[in-house]
Amino acid sequence: GRTEVVKLLLDHDAEVEAKQKDSWTALHFAVQNGHTEVVELLLDHGAEVEAKQKDNWTALYYAAQKGHAEVVKLLLDRGAD
């Protein structure tokens, strides 16, 4: 599934902090969709837990907004504020 594809990309030097035009990172997308395993994998590969998109919203904001409790806990455990 998604985790395997992300792992494959990261193993081939995909840029974990690449941003699209609104400054969204892969972490923002994974968090918003509640993909806990992908979030953990991205963080393990150096994704910035406090990365902000253009409106200064963090991954933690999106996880809480979407009600993804497991992702919220993971982000907090990894230092999100």
Protein backbone atom coordinates (compact mmCIF):
# COMPACT_ATOMS: atom_id res chain seq x y z
CA GLY A 1 0.00 0.00 0.00
CA ARG A 2 0.97 3.59 0.63
CA THR A 3 3.62 2.80 3.22
CA GLU A 4 5.54 0.55 0.85
CA VAL A 5 5.49 3.17 -1.92
CA VAL A 6 6.68 5.91 0.43
CA LYS A 7 9.42 3.64 1.79
CA LEU A 8 10.56 2.85 -1.75
CA LEU A 9 10.69 6.55 -2.65
CA LEU A 10 12.60 7.44 0.51
CA ASP A 11 15.03 4.57 -0.06
CA HIS A 12 15.74 6.13 -3.47
CA ASP A 13 16.51 9.54 -1.98
CA ALA A 14 13.16 11.27 -2.43
CA GLU A 15 13.29 14.68 -0.79
CA VAL A 16 11.28 14.27 2.42
CA GLU A 17 10.89 18.04 2.84
CA ALA A 18 9.84 18.81 -0.74
CA LYS A 19 7.06 21.38 -0.78
CA GLN A 20 4.31 22.02 -3.27
CA LYS A 21 3.15 25.54 -4.14
CA ASP A 22 1.23 26.11 -0.89
CA SER A 23 4.19 24.83 1.14
CA TRP A 24 2.51 21.52 1.88
CA THR A 25 4.94 18.68 2.54
CA ALA A 26 4.37 14.94 2.32
CA LEU A 27 3.89 15.03 6.09
CA HIS A 28 0.95 17.45 5.77
CA PHE A 29 -0.75 15.20 3.22
CA ALA A 30 -0.16 12.01 5.22
CA VAL A 31 -1.42 13.62 8.42
CA GLN A 32 -4.53 15.08 6.82
CA ASN A 33 -5.45 11.65 5.48
CA GLY A 34 -4.72 9.85 8.75
CA HIS A 35 -1.95 7.61 7.39
CA THR A 36 -0.20 6.93 10.70
CA GLU A 37 2.39 4.50 9.32
CA VAL A 38 3.37 6.93 6.56
CA VAL A 39 3.61 9.78 9.08
CA GLU A 40 5.93 7.67 11.25
CA LEU A 41 8.05 6.71 8.24
CA LEU A 42 8.38 10.33 7.12
CA LEU A 43 9.36 11.44 10.62
CA ASP A 44 11.90 8.61 10.84
CA HIS A 45 13.44 9.96 7.62
CA GLY A 46 13.77 13.51 8.90
CA ALA A 47 10.46 15.18 8.11
CA GLU A 48 10.16 18.39 10.14
CA VAL A 49 7.40 17.80 12.69
CA GLU A 50 6.79 21.57 12.95
CA ALA A 51 6.75 22.30 9.20
CA LYS A 52 4.19 24.96 8.36
CA GLN A 53 2.27 25.46 5.17
CA LYS A 54 1.48 28.88 3.68
CA ASP A 55 -1.10 29.73 6.38
CA ASN A 56 1.35 28.72 9.14
CA TRP A 57 -0.62 25.59 9.99
CA THR A 58 1.33 22.57 11.18
CA ALA A 59 0.76 18.87 10.74
CA LEU A 60 -0.54 18.75 14.32
CA TYR A 61 -3.23 21.30 13.42
CA TYR A 62 -4.44 19.14 10.53
CA ALA A 63 -4.37 15.92 12.55
CA ALA A 64 -6.44 17.50 15.32
CA GLN A 65 -8.82 19.16 12.86
CA LYS A 66 -9.49 15.83 11.14
CA GLY A 67 -9.83 13.91 14.42
CA HIS A 68 -6.91 11.56 13.76
CA ALA A 69 -6.13 10.82 17.43
CA GLU A 70 -3.41 8.25 16.72
CA VAL A 71 -1.59 10.70 14.45
CA VAL A 72 -1.98 13.49 17.03
CA LYS A 73 -0.38 11.26 19.67
CA LEU A 74 2.47 10.31 17.33
CA LEU A 75 3.18 13.95 16.47
CA LEU A 76 3.13 14.98 20.13
CA ASP A 77 5.45 12.10 21.01
CA ARG A 78 7.81 13.37 18.30
CA GLY A 79 7.88 16.92 19.67
CA ALA A 80 5.03 18.72 17.93
CA ASP A 81 3.80 21.74 19.81
